[in-house]
C-alpha atoms as a PDB file:
ATOM      1  CA  MET A   1      -5.765  -8.513  -9.729  1.00  0.00           C
ATOM      2  CA  LEU A   2      -9.337  -8.366  -7.744  1.00  0.00           C
ATOM      3  CA  THR A   3     -11.303  -4.843  -8.017  1.00  0.00           C
ATOM      4  CA  ARG A   4     -12.369  -3.059  -4.790  1.00  0.00           C
ATOM      5  CA  ASP A   5     -15.793  -3.398  -6.277  1.00  0.00           C
ATOM      6  CA  GLN A   6     -15.027  -7.470  -6.170  1.00  0.00           C
ATOM      7  CA  LEU A   7     -14.375  -7.707  -3.075  1.00  0.00           C
ATOM      8  CA  LYS A   8     -17.196  -5.429  -1.542  1.00  0.00           C
ATOM      9  CA  SER A   9     -19.432  -7.947  -3.628  1.00  0.00           C
ATOM     10  CA  LEU A  10     -17.932 -10.863  -1.921  1.00  0.00           C
ATOM     11  CA  PHE A  11     -17.414  -9.437   1.675  1.00  0.00           C
ATOM     12  CA  PRO A  12     -20.222  -6.511   1.747  1.00  0.00           C
ATOM     13  CA  GLN A  13     -20.178  -6.044   5.362  1.00  0.00           C
ATOM     14  CA  ALA A  14     -16.046  -5.327   5.297  1.00  0.00           C
ATOM     15  CA  MET A  15     -15.256  -2.145   6.929  1.00  0.00           C
ATOM     16  CA  ASP A  16     -13.147   0.513   4.212  1.00  0.00           C
ATOM     17  CA  ALA A  17      -9.991  -0.280   6.327  1.00  0.00           C
ATOM     18  CA  ASP A  18      -9.711  -4.308   5.479  1.00  0.00           C
ATOM     19  CA  LEU A  19     -10.998  -3.301   1.717  1.00  0.00           C
ATOM     20  CA  ASP A  20      -7.870  -0.840   1.261  1.00  0.00           C
ATOM     21  CA  GLY A  21      -5.927  -2.883   2.834  1.00  0.00           C
ATOM     22  CA  PHE A  22      -6.666  -5.295   0.408  1.00  0.00           C
ATOM     23  CA  ILE A  23      -6.241  -3.824  -2.136  1.00  0.00           C
ATOM     24  CA  GLN A  24      -3.053  -1.777  -1.578  1.00  0.00           C
ATOM     25  CA  PHE A  25      -0.919  -4.887   0.078  1.00  0.00           C
ATOM     26  CA  GLY A  26      -3.196  -7.990  -2.164  1.00  0.00           C
ATOM     27  CA  GLU A  27      -1.577  -8.030  -5.112  1.00  0.00           C
ATOM     28  CA  GLN A  28       2.336  -8.251  -4.003  1.00  0.00           C
ATOM     29  CA  ALA A  29       1.011 -10.684  -1.550  1.00  0.00           C
ATOM     30  CA  LEU A  30      -1.209 -12.997  -3.972  1.00  0.00           C
ATOM     31  CA  LYS A  31       1.958 -12.769  -6.367  1.00  0.00           C
ATOM     32  CA  ASP A  32       4.808 -13.669  -3.611  1.00  0.00           C
ATOM     33  CA  SER A  33       2.308 -16.850  -2.670  1.00  0.00           C
ATOM     34  CA  GLY A  34       1.411 -17.788  -6.359  1.00  0.00           C
ATOM     35  CA  ILE A  35      -2.172 -17.833  -5.172  1.00  0.00           C
ATOM     36  CA  LEU A  36      -2.503 -15.898  -8.560  1.00  0.00           C
ATOM     37  CA  GLN A  37      -1.327 -18.810 -10.540  1.00  0.00           C
ATOM     38  CA  GLY A  38      -2.872 -21.756 -10.796  1.00  0.00           C
ATOM     39  CA  ILE A  39      -6.963 -22.280 -11.714  1.00  0.00           C
ATOM     40  CA  ASN A  40      -7.976 -22.718  -8.226  1.00  0.00           C
ATOM     41  CA  ARG A  41      -5.478 -21.389  -6.280  1.00  0.00           C
ATOM     42  CA  LEU A  42      -7.790 -17.220  -5.897  1.00  0.00           C
ATOM     43  CA  ALA A  43     -10.668 -19.144  -5.030  1.00  0.00           C
ATOM     44  CA  TYR A  44     -10.244 -21.631  -2.360  1.00  0.00           C
ATOM     45  CA  PHE A  45      -7.942 -18.797  -0.902  1.00  0.00           C
ATOM     46  CA  LEU A  46     -11.050 -16.023  -0.622  1.00  0.00           C
ATOM     47  CA  ALA A  47     -13.387 -18.960   0.475  1.00  0.00           C
ATOM     48  CA  GLN A  48     -11.093 -19.914   3.294  1.00  0.00           C
ATOM     49  CA  LEU A  49     -10.805 -16.241   4.446  1.00  0.00           C
ATOM     50  CA  GLY A  50     -14.315 -15.537   4.144  1.00  0.00           C
ATOM     51  CA  HIS A  51     -15.535 -18.006   6.159  1.00  0.00           C
ATOM     52  CA  GLU A  52     -12.491 -17.645   9.622  1.00  0.00           C
ATOM     53  CA  SER A  53     -12.589 -14.148   9.617  1.00  0.00           C
ATOM     54  CA  SER A  54     -16.509 -13.517   8.745  1.00  0.00           C
ATOM     55  CA  GLY A  55     -16.560 -11.763   5.792  1.00  0.00           C
ATOM     56  CA  LEU A  56     -13.079 -10.241   7.153  1.00  0.00           C
ATOM     57  CA  THR A  57     -14.924  -8.152   9.321  1.00  0.00           C
ATOM     58  CA  HIS A  58     -13.194 -10.141  12.112  1.00  0.00           C
ATOM     59  CA  ARG A  59      -9.294  -9.798  12.843  1.00  0.00           C
ATOM     60  CA  GLU A  60      -9.205 -11.295  16.478  1.00  0.00           C
ATOM     61  CA  GLU A  61     -10.521 -14.557  17.813  1.00  0.00           C
ATOM     62  CA  ASN A  62     -13.873 -14.161  20.224  1.00  0.00           C
ATOM     63  CA  LEU A  63     -13.304 -16.177  22.834  1.00  0.00           C
ATOM     64  CA  ASN A  64     -16.452 -14.888  24.987  1.00  0.00           C
ATOM     65  CA  TYR A  65     -17.949 -18.117  24.749  1.00  0.00           C
ATOM     66  CA  THR A  66     -21.022 -19.164  26.841  1.00  0.00           C
ATOM     67  CA  ALA A  67     -20.779 -23.097  28.784  1.00  0.00           C
ATOM     68  CA  ALA A  68     -22.975 -24.297  26.789  1.00  0.00           C
ATOM     69  CA  ARG A  69     -21.143 -23.741  23.368  1.00  0.00           C
ATOM     70  CA  LEU A  70     -17.795 -24.755  25.032  1.00  0.00           C
ATOM     71  CA  THR A  71     -18.950 -28.237  25.036  1.00  0.00           C
ATOM     72  CA  ASP A  72     -20.125 -28.008  21.502  1.00  0.00           C
ATOM     73  CA  ILE A  73     -16.403 -26.727  20.508  1.00  0.00           C
ATOM     74  CA  TRP A  74     -14.301 -28.157  22.753  1.00  0.00           C
ATOM     75  CA  PRO A  75     -16.059 -31.581  24.048  1.00  0.00           C
ATOM     76  CA  SER A  76     -13.159 -33.453  24.778  1.00  0.00           C
ATOM     77  CA  ARG A  77     -11.945 -30.429  27.083  1.00  0.00           C
ATOM     78  CA  PHE A  78     -15.480 -29.592  28.568  1.00  0.00           C
ATOM     79  CA  PRO A  79     -17.402 -32.530  28.473  1.00  0.00           C
ATOM     80  CA  THR A  80     -19.535 -31.499  31.392  1.00  0.00           C
ATOM     81  CA  LEU A  81     -21.332 -27.733  31.607  1.00  0.00           C
ATOM     82  CA  GLU A  82     -19.500 -27.660  35.253  1.00  0.00           C
ATOM     83  CA  VAL A  83     -16.211 -28.352  34.120  1.00  0.00           C
ATOM     84  CA  ALA A  84     -16.825 -25.154  30.642  1.00  0.00           C
ATOM     85  CA  LYS A  85     -18.026 -22.960  33.882  1.00  0.00           C
ATOM     86  CA  LYS A  86     -15.345 -22.026  35.164  1.00  0.00           C
ATOM     87  CA  TYR A  87     -13.921 -20.928  31.169  1.00  0.00           C
ATOM     88  CA  GLU A  88     -17.485 -18.828  30.492  1.00  0.00           C
ATOM     89  CA  ARG A  89     -16.933 -15.440  29.401  1.00  0.00           C
ATOM     90  CA  ASN A  90     -13.866 -15.350  30.457  1.00  0.00           C
ATOM     91  CA  PRO A  91     -11.269 -15.171  26.967  1.00  0.00           C
ATOM     92  CA  GLU A  92      -7.668 -15.025  28.674  1.00  0.00           C
ATOM     93  CA  LYS A  93      -8.391 -17.970  30.924  1.00  0.00           C
ATOM     94  CA  LEU A  94      -9.584 -19.939  28.388  1.00  0.00           C
ATOM     95  CA  ALA A  95      -7.148 -19.430  25.431  1.00  0.00           C
ATOM     96  CA  ASN A  96      -4.817 -20.645  27.795  1.00  0.00           C
ATOM     97  CA  PHE A  97      -6.344 -23.796  29.087  1.00  0.00           C
ATOM     98  CA  VAL A  98      -7.287 -24.630  25.631  1.00  0.00           C
ATOM     99  CA  TYR A  99      -3.858 -23.512  23.578  1.00  0.00           C
ATOM    100  CA  GLY A 100      -1.570 -23.562  26.564  1.00  0.00           C
ATOM    101  CA  GLY A 101       1.166 -26.688  26.538  1.00  0.00           C
ATOM    102  CA  ARG A 102       0.385 -26.690  22.914  1.00  0.00           C
ATOM    103  CA  LEU A 103       1.591 -25.292  19.358  1.00  0.00           C
ATOM    104  CA  GLY A 104       4.917 -24.308  20.199  1.00  0.00           C
ATOM    105  CA  ASN A 105       3.270 -22.423  23.347  1.00  0.00           C
ATOM    106  CA  VAL A 106       5.773 -22.852  25.940  1.00  0.00           C
ATOM    107  CA  ASN A 107       5.321 -20.098  28.766  1.00  0.00           C
ATOM    108  CA  PRO A 108       2.470 -19.036  30.718  1.00  0.00           C
ATOM    109  CA  GLY A 109      -0.009 -16.769  29.017  1.00  0.00           C
ATOM    110  CA  ASP A 110       1.150 -18.203  25.347  1.00  0.00           C
ATOM    111  CA  GLY A 111      -1.981 -19.192  25.109  1.00  0.00           C
ATOM    112  CA  TYR A 112      -3.562 -15.982  25.358  1.00  0.00           C
ATOM    113  CA  LYS A 113      -1.217 -14.474  24.052  1.00  0.00           C
ATOM    114  CA  TYR A 114      -1.011 -16.137  20.882  1.00  0.00           C
ATOM    115  CA  ARG A 115      -4.396 -17.036  20.078  1.00  0.00           C
ATOM    116  CA  GLY A 116      -6.182 -16.440  16.747  1.00  0.00           C
ATOM    117  CA  ARG A 117      -5.666 -13.143  14.671  1.00  0.00           C
ATOM    118  CA  GLY A 118      -5.863 -11.665  11.173  1.00  0.00           C
ATOM    119  CA  TYR A 119      -7.868 -13.678   8.394  1.00  0.00           C
ATOM    120  CA  ILE A 120      -6.429 -17.013   7.979  1.00  0.00           C
ATOM    121  CA  GLN A 121      -6.531 -17.152  12.218  1.00  0.00           C
ATOM    122  CA  LEU A 122      -3.178 -17.651  13.089  1.00  0.00           C
ATOM    123  CA  THR A 123      -2.774 -20.109  16.598  1.00  0.00           C
ATOM    124  CA  GLY A 124       0.038 -21.036  18.718  1.00  0.00           C
ATOM    125  CA  ARG A 125       3.213 -19.388  19.512  1.00  0.00           C
ATOM    126  CA  GLU A 126       4.950 -21.509  16.598  1.00  0.00           C
ATOM    127  CA  THR A 127       2.892 -20.100  14.034  1.00  0.00           C
ATOM    128  CA  TYR A 128       3.349 -16.547  14.574  1.00  0.00           C
ATOM    129  CA  ARG A 129       7.404 -16.870  14.683  1.00  0.00           C
ATOM    130  CA  GLU A 130       7.158 -18.866  11.041  1.00  0.00           C
ATOM    131  CA  VAL A 131       4.645 -16.870   9.551  1.00  0.00           C
ATOM    132  CA  GLY A 132       6.352 -13.839  10.803  1.00  0.00           C
ATOM    133  CA  LYS A 133       9.677 -15.179   9.153  1.00  0.00           C
ATOM    134  CA  ILE A 134       7.990 -15.465   5.189  1.00  0.00           C
ATOM    135  CA  ALA A 135       5.600 -11.908   5.860  1.00  0.00           C
ATOM    136  CA  GLY A 136       8.963 -10.627   6.953  1.00  0.00           C
ATOM    137  CA  LEU A 137       7.023  -9.520  10.533  1.00  0.00           C
ATOM    138  CA  ASP A 138       8.140 -10.173  14.098  1.00  0.00           C
ATOM    139  CA  LEU A 139       5.193 -11.346  14.363  1.00  0.00           C
ATOM    140  CA  GLU A 140       6.613 -13.640  17.378  1.00  0.00           C
ATOM    141  CA  ASN A 141       7.437 -10.863  19.500  1.00  0.00           C
ATOM    142  CA  ASN A 142       4.636  -8.270  18.379  1.00  0.00           C
ATOM    143  CA  PRO A 143       1.388 -10.576  18.149  1.00  0.00           C
ATOM    144  CA  ASP A 144      -0.860  -7.621  17.927  1.00  0.00           C
ATOM    145  CA  LEU A 145       0.438  -7.124  14.034  1.00  0.00           C
ATOM    146  CA  ALA A 146      -1.323 -10.441  12.750  1.00  0.00           C
ATOM    147  CA  ALA A 147      -5.123  -7.933  13.470  1.00  0.00           C
ATOM    148  CA  GLN A 148      -3.721  -4.937  11.899  1.00  0.00           C
ATOM    149  CA  PRO A 149      -5.410  -4.555   8.895  1.00  0.00           C
ATOM    150  CA  GLU A 150      -2.902  -3.289   6.452  1.00  0.00           C
ATOM    151  CA  GLN A 151      -1.068  -6.898   6.985  1.00  0.00           C
ATOM    152  CA  ALA A 152      -3.876  -9.000   7.559  1.00  0.00           C
ATOM    153  CA  VAL A 153      -3.407 -10.153   3.817  1.00  0.00           C
ATOM    154  CA  LYS A 154       0.108 -10.389   3.532  1.00  0.00           C
ATOM    155  CA  ILE A 155       0.016 -12.585   6.798  1.00  0.00           C
ATOM    156  CA  ALA A 156      -2.807 -14.953   5.038  1.00  0.00           C
ATOM    157  CA  CYS A 157      -0.759 -15.471   2.072  1.00  0.00           C
ATOM    158  CA  ALA A 158       2.624 -16.066   4.070  1.00  0.00           C
ATOM    159  CA  TYR A 159       0.584 -18.557   6.072  1.00  0.00           C
ATOM    160  CA  TRP A 160      -0.679 -19.876   2.634  1.00  0.00           C
ATOM    161  CA  SER A 161       2.692 -20.292   1.504  1.00  0.00           C
ATOM    162  CA  TRP A 162       4.021 -21.965   5.264  1.00  0.00           C
ATOM    163  CA  LYS A 163       2.069 -24.173   4.684  1.00  0.00           C
ATOM    164  CA  LYS A 164       2.406 -25.242   1.093  1.00  0.00           C
ATOM    165  CA  LEU A 165      -1.585 -24.902   0.344  1.00  0.00           C
ATOM    166  CA  ASN A 166      -1.619 -24.442  -3.426  1.00  0.00           C
ATOM    167  CA  PRO A 167      -0.793 -28.004  -4.549  1.00  0.00           C
ATOM    168  CA  THR A 168      -3.914 -29.362  -2.354  1.00  0.00           C
ATOM    169  CA  CYS A 169      -5.688 -26.364  -4.524  1.00  0.00           C
ATOM    170  CA  ASP A 170      -4.084 -27.734  -7.631  1.00  0.00           C
ATOM    171  CA  VAL A 171      -5.477 -31.240  -7.766  1.00  0.00           C
ATOM    172  CA  GLY A 172      -9.282 -29.568  -6.462  1.00  0.00           C
ATOM    173  CA  ASP A 173      -9.631 -31.205  -3.310  1.00  0.00           C
ATOM    174  CA  PHE A 174     -11.385 -28.150  -1.311  1.00  0.00           C
ATOM    175  CA  THR A 175     -12.110 -30.581   1.962  1.00  0.00           C
ATOM    176  CA  ALA A 176      -8.140 -31.863   2.207  1.00  0.00           C
ATOM    177  CA  LEU A 177      -7.477 -27.946   2.101  1.00  0.00           C
ATOM    178  CA  THR A 178     -10.067 -27.437   5.017  1.00  0.00           C
ATOM    179  CA  LYS A 179      -8.346 -30.250   7.130  1.00  0.00           C
ATOM    180  CA  LYS A 180      -4.940 -28.596   6.267  1.00  0.00           C
ATOM    181  CA  ILE A 181      -5.824 -25.374   7.502  1.00  0.00           C
ATOM    182  CA  ASN A 182      -8.593 -25.860  10.724  1.00  0.00           C
ATOM    183  CA  GLY A 183      -7.283 -28.895  11.585  1.00  0.00           C
ATOM    184  CA  GLY A 184     -10.909 -31.108  10.425  1.00  0.00           C
ATOM    185  CA  THR A 185     -13.789 -30.324   8.538  1.00  0.00           C
ATOM    186  CA  ASN A 186     -15.269 -27.623  11.030  1.00  0.00           C
ATOM    187  CA  GLY A 187     -17.568 -25.573   8.986  1.00  0.00           C
ATOM    188  CA  LEU A 188     -17.187 -27.224   5.440  1.00  0.00           C
ATOM    189  CA  SER A 189     -20.617 -26.298   4.816  1.00  0.00           C
ATOM    190  CA  ASP A 190     -19.616 -22.457   5.161  1.00  0.00           C
ATOM    191  CA  ARG A 191     -16.861 -22.759   3.765  1.00  0.00           C
ATOM    192  CA  MET A 192     -18.636 -24.479   0.482  1.00  0.00           C
ATOM    193  CA  ASP A 193     -21.250 -21.807   0.509  1.00  0.00           C
ATOM    194  CA  TRP A 194     -18.431 -19.445   0.163  1.00  0.00           C
ATOM    195  CA  LEU A 195     -16.687 -20.864  -2.494  1.00  0.00           C
ATOM    196  CA  THR A 196     -19.959 -21.159  -4.779  1.00  0.00           C
ATOM    197  CA  LYS A 197     -20.100 -17.200  -3.874  1.00  0.00           C
ATOM    198  CA  VAL A 198     -16.514 -16.289  -4.622  1.00  0.00           C
ATOM    199  CA  GLN A 199     -16.150 -18.248  -7.797  1.00  0.00           C
ATOM    200  CA  GLY A 200     -19.718 -16.859  -8.735  1.00  0.00           C
ATOM    201  CA  VAL A 201     -18.036 -13.194  -8.349  1.00  0.00           C
ATOM    202  CA  LEU A 202     -14.748 -14.194 -10.280  1.00  0.00           C
ATOM    203  CA  LYS A 203     -16.962 -16.095 -13.317  1.00  0.00           C
ATOM    204  CA  ALA A 204     -19.426 -12.727 -13.244  1.00  0.00           C
ATOM    205  CA  SER A 205     -16.020 -10.549 -13.584  1.00  0.00           C
ATOM    206  CA  ALA A 206     -14.283 -12.393 -16.048  1.00  0.00           C
ATOM    207  CA  ALA A 207     -17.699 -12.165 -18.425  1.00  0.00           C
ATOM    208  CA  GLY A 208     -18.001  -8.686 -17.790  1.00  0.00           C
ATOM    209  CA  SER A 209     -14.919  -8.368 -19.443  1.00  0.00           C
ATOM    210  CA  GLY A 210     -15.262 -10.430 -21.979  1.00  0.00           C
ATOM    211  CA  THR A 211     -12.088 -12.849 -20.832  1.00  0.00           C
ATOM    212  CA  ALA A 212     -11.694 -16.679 -18.753  1.00  0.00           C
ATOM    213  CA  PRO A 213     -11.765 -16.420 -15.820  1.00  0.00           C
ATOM    214  CA  ALA A 214      -7.808 -16.882 -15.038  1.00  0.00           C
ATOM    215  CA  GLN A 215      -7.567 -17.991 -10.983  1.00  0.00           C
ATOM    216  CA  SER A 216     -10.616 -19.630 -10.333  1.00  0.00           C
ATOM    217  CA  ALA A 217     -12.625 -22.307 -11.180  1.00  0.00           C
ATOM    218  CA  THR A 218     -15.031 -21.520 -13.864  1.00  0.00           C
ATOM    219  CA  LYS A 219     -18.446 -23.632 -12.223  1.00  0.00           C
ATOM    220  CA  PRO A 220     -19.706 -22.257  -9.175  1.00  0.00           C
ATOM    221  CA  ALA A 221     -20.586 -26.117  -7.839  1.00  0.00           C
ATOM    222  CA  GLN A 222     -17.951 -28.200  -6.559  1.00  0.00           C
ATOM    223  CA  PRO A 223     -14.398 -28.186  -8.871  1.00  0.00           C
ATOM    224  CA  ALA A 224     -13.854 -30.856 -10.550  1.00  0.00           C
ATOM    225  CA  THR A 225     -10.153 -32.196  -9.865  1.00  0.00           C
ATOM    226  CA  PRO A 226      -7.873 -29.995 -12.553  1.00  0.00           C
ATOM    227  CA  THR A 227      -4.583 -31.095 -13.930  1.00  0.00           C
ATOM    228  CA  PRO A 228      -1.760 -30.332 -11.863  1.00  0.00           C
ATOM    229  CA  PRO A 229       0.578 -27.317 -12.838  1.00  0.00           C
ATOM    230  CA  LYS A 230       3.640 -28.081 -15.119  1.00  0.00           C
ATOM    231  CA  PRO A 231       6.773 -28.241 -13.635  1.00  0.00           C
ATOM    232  CA  ALA A 232       7.610 -24.835 -14.479  1.00  0.00           C
ATOM    233  CA  THR A 233       5.526 -23.120 -11.825  1.00  0.00           C
ATOM    234  CA  GLN A 234       5.368 -25.766  -9.422  1.00  0.00           C
ATOM    235  CA  PRO A 235       7.961 -27.618  -8.811  1.00  0.00           C
ATOM    236  CA  ALA A 236       7.513 -31.328  -8.658  1.00  0.00           C
ATOM    237  CA  ALA A 237       8.808 -31.657  -5.119  1.00  0.00           C
ATOM    238  CA  SER A 238       6.323 -29.881  -4.153  1.00  0.00           C
ATOM    239  CA  GLN A 239       3.656 -31.861  -5.277  1.00  0.00           C
ATOM    240  CA  PRO A 240       1.211 -34.281  -3.542  1.00  0.00           C
ATOM    241  CA  SER A 241       0.444 -37.799  -4.536  1.00  0.00           C
ATOM    242  CA  ALA A 242      -2.355 -38.186  -6.581  1.00  0.00           C
ATOM    243  CA  PRO A 243      -4.997 -40.417  -6.324  1.00  0.00           C
ATOM    244  CA  PRO A 244      -4.351 -43.010  -9.524  1.00  0.00           C
ATOM    245  CA  LYS A 245      -6.822 -42.849 -12.566  1.00  0.00           C
ATOM    246  CA  PRO A 246      -9.932 -44.759 -12.765  1.00  0.00           C
ATOM    247  CA  LYS A 247      -9.467 -48.000 -15.203  1.00  0.00           C
ATOM    248  CA  THR A 248     -11.188 -49.297 -17.776  1.00  0.00           C
ATOM    249  CA  PRO A 249     -12.534 -52.312 -16.408  1.00  0.00           C
ATOM    250  CA  SER A 250     -10.679 -55.446 -18.181  1.00  0.00           C
ATOM    251  CA  GLN A 251     -11.520 -57.653 -15.559  1.00  0.00           C
ATOM    252  CA  PRO A 252     -15.463 -58.860 -14.342  1.00  0.00           C
ATOM    253  CA  GLY A 253     -14.023 -58.033 -10.274  1.00  0.00           C
ATOM    254  CA  GLU A 254     -13.594 -54.615 -11.811  1.00  0.00           C
ATOM    255  CA  ASN A 255     -16.925 -53.763 -12.197  1.00  0.00           C
ATOM    256  CA  ALA A 256     -17.879 -52.726  -9.376  1.00  0.00           C
ATOM    257  CA  THR A 257     -15.772 -50.107  -9.036  1.00  0.00           C
ATOM    258  CA  THR A 258     -16.634 -48.091 -13.022  1.00  0.00           C
ATOM    259  CA  LEU A 259     -19.631 -49.092 -13.208  1.00  0.00           C
ATOM    260  CA  SER A 260     -23.204 -47.644 -11.236  1.00  0.00           C
ATOM    261  CA  ASN A 261     -24.646 -49.642  -8.474  1.00  0.00           C
ATOM    262  CA  ASN A 262     -26.423 -49.552  -4.736  1.00  0.00           C
ATOM    263  CA  ALA A 263     -22.992 -49.760  -3.392  1.00  0.00           C
ATOM    264  CA  MET A 264     -21.139 -47.119  -4.666  1.00  0.00           C
ATOM    265  CA  LEU A 265     -24.604 -45.347  -4.148  1.00  0.00           C
ATOM    266  CA  GLU A 266     -23.859 -45.412  -0.358  1.00  0.00           C
ATOM    267  CA  ALA A 267     -20.302 -45.029  -0.391  1.00  0.00           C
ATOM    268  CA  GLN A 268     -21.199 -41.287  -2.020  1.00  0.00           C
ATOM    269  CA  LYS A 269     -23.645 -40.723   0.545  1.00  0.00           C
ATOM    270  CA  LYS A 270     -20.819 -41.694   3.281  1.00  0.00           C
ATOM    271  CA  LEU A 271     -18.287 -39.898   2.030  1.00  0.00           C
ATOM    272  CA  SER A 272     -20.723 -36.822   2.170  1.00  0.00           C
ATOM    273  CA  LYS A 273     -21.343 -36.729   5.146  1.00  0.00           C
ATOM    274  CA  LEU A 274     -18.495 -37.588   6.416  1.00  0.00           C
ATOM    275  CA  GLY A 275     -16.927 -34.170   4.279  1.00  0.00           C
ATOM    276  CA  TYR A 276     -15.140 -36.351   1.282  1.00  0.00           C
ATOM    277  CA  TYR A 277     -17.563 -35.478  -1.221  1.00  0.00           C
ATOM    278  CA  GLN A 278     -19.534 -33.053  -2.369  1.00  0.00           C
ATOM    279  CA  GLY A 279     -20.557 -33.898  -5.996  1.00  0.00           C
ATOM    280  CA  VAL A 280     -24.007 -35.463  -6.861  1.00  0.00           C
ATOM    281  CA  LEU A 281     -24.676 -38.669  -5.431  1.00  0.00           C
ATOM    282  CA  ASP A 282     -25.573 -40.866  -8.642  1.00  0.00           C
ATOM    283  CA  GLY A 283     -24.193 -44.325  -8.151  1.00  0.00           C
ATOM    284  CA  ILE A 284     -21.094 -43.338 -10.958  1.00  0.00           C
ATOM    285  CA  TYR A 285     -17.263 -43.933  -9.987  1.00  0.00           C
ATOM    286  CA  ASN A 286     -16.247 -40.435 -11.429  1.00  0.00           C
ATOM    287  CA  GLN A 287     -13.417 -38.582 -10.914  1.00  0.00           C
ATOM    288  CA  MET A 288     -14.709 -36.562  -7.547  1.00  0.00           C
ATOM    289  CA  LEU A 289     -15.972 -40.085  -5.767  1.00  0.00           C
ATOM    290  CA  ARG A 290     -12.402 -41.111  -6.724  1.00  0.00           C
ATOM    291  CA  ALA A 291     -10.511 -37.976  -5.388  1.00  0.00           C
ATOM    292  CA  ALA A 292     -13.257 -38.790  -1.971  1.00  0.00           C
ATOM    293  CA  LEU A 293     -12.417 -42.374  -1.537  1.00  0.00           C
ATOM    294  CA  TRP A 294      -8.404 -41.623  -1.595  1.00  0.00           C
ATOM    295  CA  ALA A 295      -8.197 -39.301   0.715  1.00  0.00           C
ATOM    296  CA  PHE A 296     -10.724 -41.188   2.901  1.00  0.00           C
ATOM    297  CA  GLN A 297      -8.403 -43.786   2.475  1.00  0.00           C
ATOM    298  CA  LYS A 298      -5.068 -41.537   3.339  1.00  0.00           C
ATOM    299  CA  ASP A 299      -6.546 -40.360   6.687  1.00  0.00           C
ATOM    300  CA  GLU A 300      -8.042 -44.036   7.730  1.00  0.00           C
ATOM    301  CA  ASP A 301      -4.643 -45.576   6.887  1.00  0.00           C
ATOM    302  CA  LEU A 302      -6.029 -48.021   4.163  1.00  0.00           C
ATOM    303  CA  PRO A 303      -4.186 -48.508   1.141  1.00  0.00           C
ATOM    304  CA  GLN A 304      -5.047 -46.093  -1.867  1.00  0.00           C
ATOM    305  CA  THR A 305      -6.877 -47.106  -4.260  1.00  0.00           C
ATOM    306  CA  GLY A 306      -8.992 -44.727  -4.986  1.00  0.00           C
ATOM    307  CA  ARG A 307     -11.394 -47.334  -5.470  1.00  0.00           C
ATOM    308  CA  LEU A 308     -14.321 -49.091  -3.314  1.00  0.00           C
ATOM    309  CA  ASP A 309     -11.945 -52.378  -2.690  1.00  0.00           C
ATOM    310  CA  GLU A 310     -13.393 -54.588  -0.202  1.00  0.00           C
ATOM    311  CA  ARG A 311     -11.557 -52.964   2.824  1.00  0.00           C
ATOM    312  CA  THR A 312     -12.923 -49.446   2.012  1.00  0.00           C
ATOM    313  CA  ARG A 313     -15.949 -50.921   1.746  1.00  0.00           C
ATOM    314  CA  GLN A 314     -15.660 -52.515   5.130  1.00  0.00           C
ATOM    315  CA  GLU A 315     -14.838 -49.209   6.818  1.00  0.00           C
ATOM    316  CA  LEU A 316     -17.870 -47.568   5.248  1.00  0.00           C
ATOM    317  CA  ASN A 317     -19.984 -50.295   5.315  1.00  0.00           C
ATOM    318  CA  VAL A 318     -21.645 -50.279   2.397  1.00  0.00           C
END
């Protein structure tokens, strides 16, 4: 389990109430949600919390935006400054506009009532209701509970369980994890920075204690795809389908998927810009590129081969 010193190192601006709440209520919640099992789970969890809560300093969504900022965050809803000015510096009106009528919000005022709260930023009546069931809290009728430091870790872990995020951690796909939490890759660079920091702190702590880190990836750089957990700890039914393993080329035409070449390098560059690939740009087909291709193919409704096949090359224009 994390120590207070580790948490302080990770989140130096967090208030004592948040650190104390994490220490007092975090261990059981992390155990119940399975986050303390597997090589990536704890590191990924802490990195996502670091981004979503700005280092455990925010437990409620800031909706006090300028018009210009609104056009950046919700360009489809605020296509012009003129439209955005009707909602700037008005959190309640803004939340009811952008969240109303969706995310399980059915009543007038639900958008603001169920705005983002907690370390993982619960949003929408449905999320509050379902996460509350797992956490053993009536969040639907008492949404402000999600912003209390003594409940924040428990709720974040319940959200993790509700979204079934552990299997995504187990295949080492941090980008896919971000999409499941955020709905896209917004803030991916900052999330990756948090991941690097978290992995460094966990590794340093393990080295100091003379033991190998049990819950975090051992490299501060992008994690390689780990072996999925055994069924004893992670039921086969909850395992996501994984991209196929790269094959040794047996035909001349297959060399394009395994050897370093310009097309592979361009694919790495394109996938990197799109947020799918975080490895070295070396033009070599490896496990990380395979996972990136597989995720891209899945999102673009392409045959999921995990290879730079003709249709994928056309889609990436490489």
